[in-house]
Each structure stands twice: as C-alpha cells, then as structure tokens.
Amino acid sequence: MSDRTYDDPPADGRLLPWTGEGGKPCYVLGDGTGYVSRLADQLESVQLGMAGELIDHAAELLTEHRLTDLELHYLARRLTESLREVKRVAESRGARLPSG
C-alpha cells in the first residue's frame, strides 16, 4: 500500500501548464508523444510567446511614464500572471531533464 496522496506529483509525471479543480496541479503520464502532451507543448509555446509580447508592451508603457495608477495595477497583475505561467513551464521542463 502506498502513502502517496493525489496531491503528491507522480515521479514520472509531467506537470501540465494548466490547473485542475481548486488550482491543483495536473499531470500526465506517458512518453511525451500523446495528445495531452502535444496539447501541453502547444499551450506552453503560446504562454511563452505571450509573455515575450507582454514584456515588450510593458517596456513601452513604462517608458512613456504616463500610466495611471489603475493602468499600472492592471499591468502588474498581467505581468504577475504571465510570470506564474512561465515559472510553471520552467518547473515542468526542468523536472523532465535527465538527472546525472
């Protein structure tokens, strides 16, 4: 009998770029060639691309020095959201690197 709970990541599972109910992490098992893995690859690519675009947009807005407090707050929230997604991609990819 295993002491592992559903909150524990599977040793050979891939962390997916989306969460489940209640914000819990989702994982997929397999060799990385299945439908869910390919879908995760596509979503990660979109997330990384959007993060790059958001960084460029933020740099432009901050250069202008004309943001209202509300606009600055909105920008900070979007950057935080994007950073969280990019961190998740990095964790997922780092966990799949061969150890040794």
N, C-alpha and C. Protein backbone atom coordinates (compact mmCIF):
# COMPACT_ATOMS: atom_id res chain seq x y z
N MET A 1 0.85 -1.18 0.00
CA MET A 1 0.00 0.00 0.00
C MET A 1 0.89 1.24 0.00
N SER A 2 0.54 2.23 -0.79
CA SER A 2 1.34 3.44 -0.94
C SER A 2 0.82 4.54 -0.01
N ASP A 3 1.78 5.36 0.49
CA ASP A 3 1.41 6.51 1.32
C ASP A 3 1.20 7.75 0.48
N ARG A 4 1.38 7.64 -0.84
CA ARG A 4 1.26 8.79 -1.73
C ARG A 4 -0.19 9.25 -1.79
N THR A 5 -0.39 10.56 -1.78
CA THR A 5 -1.74 11.11 -1.92
C THR A 5 -1.87 11.69 -3.32
N TYR A 6 -3.05 12.08 -3.68
CA TYR A 6 -3.27 12.67 -5.00
C TYR A 6 -2.64 14.06 -5.11
N ASP A 7 -2.24 14.64 -3.99
CA ASP A 7 -1.57 15.93 -4.01
C ASP A 7 -0.08 15.79 -4.32
N ASP A 8 0.45 14.58 -4.20
CA ASP A 8 1.86 14.34 -4.49
C ASP A 8 2.04 14.13 -5.99
N PRO A 9 3.04 14.79 -6.59
CA PRO A 9 3.26 14.59 -8.02
C PRO A 9 3.77 13.19 -8.32
N PRO A 10 3.31 12.59 -9.40
CA PRO A 10 3.84 11.29 -9.77
C PRO A 10 5.31 11.43 -10.19
N ALA A 11 6.12 10.46 -9.83
CA ALA A 11 7.56 10.54 -10.10
C ALA A 11 7.85 10.69 -11.58
N ASP A 12 7.07 10.06 -12.43
CA ASP A 12 7.32 10.12 -13.86
C ASP A 12 6.27 10.95 -14.61
N GLY A 13 5.55 11.78 -13.88
CA GLY A 13 4.51 12.60 -14.50
C GLY A 13 5.03 13.94 -14.95
N ARG A 14 4.39 14.47 -15.97
CA ARG A 14 4.72 15.79 -16.49
C ARG A 14 3.73 16.80 -15.93
N LEU A 15 4.25 17.85 -15.32
CA LEU A 15 3.40 18.94 -14.85
C LEU A 15 2.83 19.66 -16.07
N LEU A 16 1.52 19.79 -16.10
CA LEU A 16 0.86 20.42 -17.24
C LEU A 16 0.72 21.93 -17.01
N PRO A 17 0.59 22.69 -18.09
CA PRO A 17 0.52 24.15 -17.97
C PRO A 17 -0.86 24.67 -17.59
N TRP A 18 -1.67 23.85 -17.02
CA TRP A 18 -2.98 24.27 -16.52
C TRP A 18 -3.22 23.58 -15.19
N THR A 19 -4.19 24.08 -14.46
CA THR A 19 -4.52 23.50 -13.15
C THR A 19 -5.89 22.87 -13.20
N GLY A 20 -6.14 22.05 -12.21
CA GLY A 20 -7.42 21.40 -12.08
C GLY A 20 -8.30 22.13 -11.09
N GLU A 21 -9.28 21.42 -10.60
CA GLU A 21 -10.23 21.99 -9.65
C GLU A 21 -9.49 22.52 -8.42
N GLY A 22 -9.84 23.71 -8.02
CA GLY A 22 -9.23 24.30 -6.84
C GLY A 22 -7.79 24.72 -7.03
N GLY A 23 -7.35 24.83 -8.29
CA GLY A 23 -5.99 25.25 -8.56
C GLY A 23 -4.95 24.16 -8.36
N LYS A 24 -5.41 22.92 -8.23
CA LYS A 24 -4.47 21.82 -8.01
C LYS A 24 -3.72 21.51 -9.30
N PRO A 25 -2.44 21.11 -9.17
CA PRO A 25 -1.65 20.81 -10.36
C PRO A 25 -2.19 19.58 -11.10
N CYS A 26 -2.01 19.60 -12.41
CA CYS A 26 -2.40 18.46 -13.26
C CYS A 26 -1.13 17.85 -13.84
N TYR A 27 -1.14 16.54 -13.98
CA TYR A 27 0.00 15.81 -14.52
C TYR A 27 -0.49 14.85 -15.59
N VAL A 28 0.41 14.50 -16.49
CA VAL A 28 0.12 13.46 -17.47
C VAL A 28 1.26 12.45 -17.41
N LEU A 29 0.89 11.20 -17.54
CA LEU A 29 1.88 10.13 -17.59
C LEU A 29 2.02 9.68 -19.04
N GLY A 30 3.20 9.27 -19.41
CA GLY A 30 3.40 8.77 -20.77
C GLY A 30 4.78 9.10 -21.28
N ASP A 31 4.97 8.85 -22.56
CA ASP A 31 6.29 9.06 -23.16
C ASP A 31 6.46 10.45 -23.78
N GLY A 32 5.45 11.30 -23.63
CA GLY A 32 5.55 12.66 -24.15
C GLY A 32 5.12 12.84 -25.58
N THR A 33 4.55 11.79 -26.17
CA THR A 33 4.14 11.88 -27.57
C THR A 33 2.63 11.85 -27.76
N GLY A 34 1.89 11.69 -26.67
CA GLY A 34 0.44 11.59 -26.76
C GLY A 34 -0.26 12.92 -26.98
N TYR A 35 -1.57 12.84 -27.16
CA TYR A 35 -2.38 14.02 -27.43
C TYR A 35 -2.25 15.08 -26.34
N VAL A 36 -2.35 14.69 -25.07
CA VAL A 36 -2.29 15.66 -23.97
C VAL A 36 -0.92 16.31 -23.91
N SER A 37 0.14 15.54 -24.14
CA SER A 37 1.50 16.11 -24.14
C SER A 37 1.67 17.11 -25.28
N ARG A 38 1.14 16.78 -26.44
CA ARG A 38 1.23 17.71 -27.58
C ARG A 38 0.42 18.98 -27.31
N LEU A 39 -0.74 18.83 -26.71
CA LEU A 39 -1.56 19.98 -26.35
C LEU A 39 -0.83 20.86 -25.34
N ALA A 40 -0.18 20.23 -24.36
CA ALA A 40 0.59 20.98 -23.37
C ALA A 40 1.75 21.72 -24.03
N ASP A 41 2.43 21.07 -24.97
CA ASP A 41 3.52 21.72 -25.71
C ASP A 41 3.02 22.97 -26.43
N GLN A 42 1.86 22.86 -27.07
CA GLN A 42 1.29 23.99 -27.80
C GLN A 42 0.93 25.13 -26.85
N LEU A 43 0.31 24.78 -25.74
CA LEU A 43 -0.09 25.82 -24.77
C LEU A 43 1.14 26.50 -24.17
N GLU A 44 2.17 25.72 -23.84
CA GLU A 44 3.40 26.32 -23.32
C GLU A 44 4.00 27.28 -24.33
N SER A 45 3.99 26.91 -25.59
CA SER A 45 4.52 27.78 -26.65
C SER A 45 3.75 29.09 -26.71
N VAL A 46 2.43 29.01 -26.61
CA VAL A 46 1.59 30.21 -26.62
C VAL A 46 1.89 31.06 -25.38
N GLN A 47 1.98 30.43 -24.22
CA GLN A 47 2.25 31.17 -22.99
C GLN A 47 3.59 31.90 -23.05
N LEU A 48 4.62 31.22 -23.55
CA LEU A 48 5.94 31.85 -23.64
C LEU A 48 5.94 32.98 -24.66
N GLY A 49 5.25 32.79 -25.77
CA GLY A 49 5.15 33.85 -26.78
C GLY A 49 4.42 35.07 -26.25
N MET A 50 3.32 34.83 -25.56
CA MET A 50 2.56 35.94 -25.00
C MET A 50 3.36 36.66 -23.91
N ALA A 51 4.16 35.92 -23.16
CA ALA A 51 4.99 36.54 -22.12
C ALA A 51 5.99 37.50 -22.77
N GLY A 52 6.59 37.09 -23.86
CA GLY A 52 7.52 37.96 -24.57
C GLY A 52 6.86 39.22 -25.08
N GLU A 53 5.67 39.07 -25.63
CA GLU A 53 4.92 40.23 -26.12
C GLU A 53 4.53 41.15 -24.97
N LEU A 54 4.13 40.58 -23.85
CA LEU A 54 3.75 41.38 -22.69
C LEU A 54 4.94 42.16 -22.14
N ILE A 55 6.09 41.54 -22.11
CA ILE A 55 7.30 42.24 -21.65
C ILE A 55 7.59 43.44 -22.54
N ASP A 56 7.51 43.24 -23.86
CA ASP A 56 7.74 44.35 -24.79
C ASP A 56 6.72 45.46 -24.59
N HIS A 57 5.46 45.09 -24.44
CA HIS A 57 4.39 46.07 -24.23
C HIS A 57 4.60 46.83 -22.92
N ALA A 58 4.96 46.10 -21.87
CA ALA A 58 5.20 46.74 -20.58
C ALA A 58 6.35 47.73 -20.66
N ALA A 59 7.41 47.34 -21.36
CA ALA A 59 8.56 48.24 -21.52
C ALA A 59 8.15 49.54 -22.21
N GLU A 60 7.32 49.42 -23.25
CA GLU A 60 6.82 50.61 -23.95
C GLU A 60 6.00 51.50 -23.01
N LEU A 61 5.06 50.89 -22.30
CA LEU A 61 4.20 51.66 -21.41
C LEU A 61 4.99 52.35 -20.30
N LEU A 62 5.96 51.65 -19.76
CA LEU A 62 6.74 52.21 -18.65
C LEU A 62 7.68 53.31 -19.13
N THR A 63 8.09 53.26 -20.39
CA THR A 63 8.95 54.30 -20.95
C THR A 63 8.19 55.61 -21.08
N GLU A 64 6.89 55.53 -21.36
CA GLU A 64 6.08 56.72 -21.55
C GLU A 64 5.84 57.50 -20.26
N HIS A 65 5.92 56.85 -19.10
CA HIS A 65 5.73 57.49 -17.80
C HIS A 65 4.38 58.20 -17.68
N ARG A 66 3.36 57.69 -18.39
CA ARG A 66 2.04 58.33 -18.32
C ARG A 66 0.96 57.37 -17.87
N LEU A 67 1.32 56.34 -17.16
CA LEU A 67 0.33 55.37 -16.71
C LEU A 67 -0.42 55.89 -15.49
N THR A 68 -1.71 55.65 -15.48
CA THR A 68 -2.48 55.94 -14.28
C THR A 68 -2.22 54.83 -13.27
N ASP A 69 -2.61 55.05 -12.04
CA ASP A 69 -2.46 54.01 -11.02
C ASP A 69 -3.22 52.75 -11.41
N LEU A 70 -4.40 52.92 -11.96
CA LEU A 70 -5.21 51.77 -12.37
C LEU A 70 -4.53 51.00 -13.50
N GLU A 71 -3.98 51.70 -14.48
CA GLU A 71 -3.28 51.05 -15.59
C GLU A 71 -2.03 50.33 -15.10
N LEU A 72 -1.30 50.94 -14.19
CA LEU A 72 -0.10 50.32 -13.65
C LEU A 72 -0.46 49.07 -12.85
N HIS A 73 -1.53 49.13 -12.10
CA HIS A 73 -2.00 47.97 -11.34
C HIS A 73 -2.38 46.84 -12.30
N TYR A 74 -3.10 47.16 -13.35
CA TYR A 74 -3.51 46.16 -14.34
C TYR A 74 -2.27 45.53 -14.98
N LEU A 75 -1.31 46.33 -15.36
CA LEU A 75 -0.08 45.83 -15.97
C LEU A 75 0.65 44.90 -15.00
N ALA A 76 0.75 45.29 -13.74
CA ALA A 76 1.42 44.45 -12.74
C ALA A 76 0.71 43.12 -12.58
N ARG A 77 -0.61 43.13 -12.61
CA ARG A 77 -1.37 41.87 -12.50
C ARG A 77 -1.11 40.97 -13.70
N ARG A 78 -1.10 41.53 -14.89
CA ARG A 78 -0.84 40.71 -16.09
C ARG A 78 0.59 40.16 -16.10
N LEU A 79 1.55 40.99 -15.68
CA LEU A 79 2.94 40.52 -15.61
C LEU A 79 3.08 39.41 -14.57
N THR A 80 2.40 39.55 -13.44
CA THR A 80 2.43 38.52 -12.40
C THR A 80 1.83 37.21 -12.92
N GLU A 81 0.71 37.32 -13.59
CA GLU A 81 0.05 36.15 -14.17
C GLU A 81 0.97 35.46 -15.18
N SER A 82 1.60 36.24 -16.03
CA SER A 82 2.49 35.70 -17.04
C SER A 82 3.73 35.06 -16.41
N LEU A 83 4.28 35.70 -15.40
CA LEU A 83 5.45 35.15 -14.72
C LEU A 83 5.11 33.82 -14.06
N ARG A 84 3.93 33.73 -13.49
CA ARG A 84 3.49 32.47 -12.87
C ARG A 84 3.42 31.36 -13.91
N GLU A 85 2.89 31.67 -15.10
CA GLU A 85 2.81 30.67 -16.17
C GLU A 85 4.20 30.25 -16.65
N VAL A 86 5.09 31.22 -16.83
CA VAL A 86 6.44 30.91 -17.30
C VAL A 86 7.20 30.09 -16.26
N LYS A 87 6.99 30.40 -14.98
CA LYS A 87 7.62 29.62 -13.91
C LYS A 87 7.14 28.18 -13.96
N ARG A 88 5.86 27.98 -14.20
CA ARG A 88 5.30 26.62 -14.28
C ARG A 88 5.91 25.85 -15.45
N VAL A 89 6.07 26.53 -16.59
CA VAL A 89 6.70 25.90 -17.76
C VAL A 89 8.14 25.50 -17.40
N ALA A 90 8.86 26.39 -16.74
CA ALA A 90 10.25 26.10 -16.37
C ALA A 90 10.31 24.92 -15.40
N GLU A 91 9.42 24.88 -14.44
CA GLU A 91 9.40 23.77 -13.48
C GLU A 91 9.09 22.46 -14.21
N SER A 92 8.13 22.49 -15.10
CA SER A 92 7.76 21.29 -15.85
C SER A 92 8.93 20.79 -16.70
N ARG A 93 9.55 21.69 -17.41
CA ARG A 93 10.66 21.31 -18.28
C ARG A 93 11.88 20.88 -17.47
N GLY A 94 12.14 21.58 -16.37
CA GLY A 94 13.27 21.21 -15.52
C GLY A 94 13.11 19.83 -14.91
N ALA A 95 11.89 19.48 -14.54
CA ALA A 95 11.62 18.17 -13.96
C ALA A 95 11.82 17.05 -14.98
N ARG A 96 11.75 17.37 -16.25
CA ARG A 96 11.91 16.35 -17.31
C ARG A 96 13.34 16.23 -17.82
N LEU A 97 14.25 17.07 -17.31
CA LEU A 97 15.65 16.96 -17.71
C LEU A 97 16.25 15.69 -17.14
N PRO A 98 17.09 15.04 -17.91
CA PRO A 98 17.72 13.83 -17.37
C PRO A 98 18.63 14.19 -16.19
N SER A 99 18.55 13.41 -15.15
CA SER A 99 19.40 13.66 -13.98
C SER A 99 20.72 12.93 -14.17
N GLY A 100 21.75 13.54 -13.63
CA GLY A 100 23.01 12.83 -13.74
C GLY A 100 24.12 13.68 -13.96
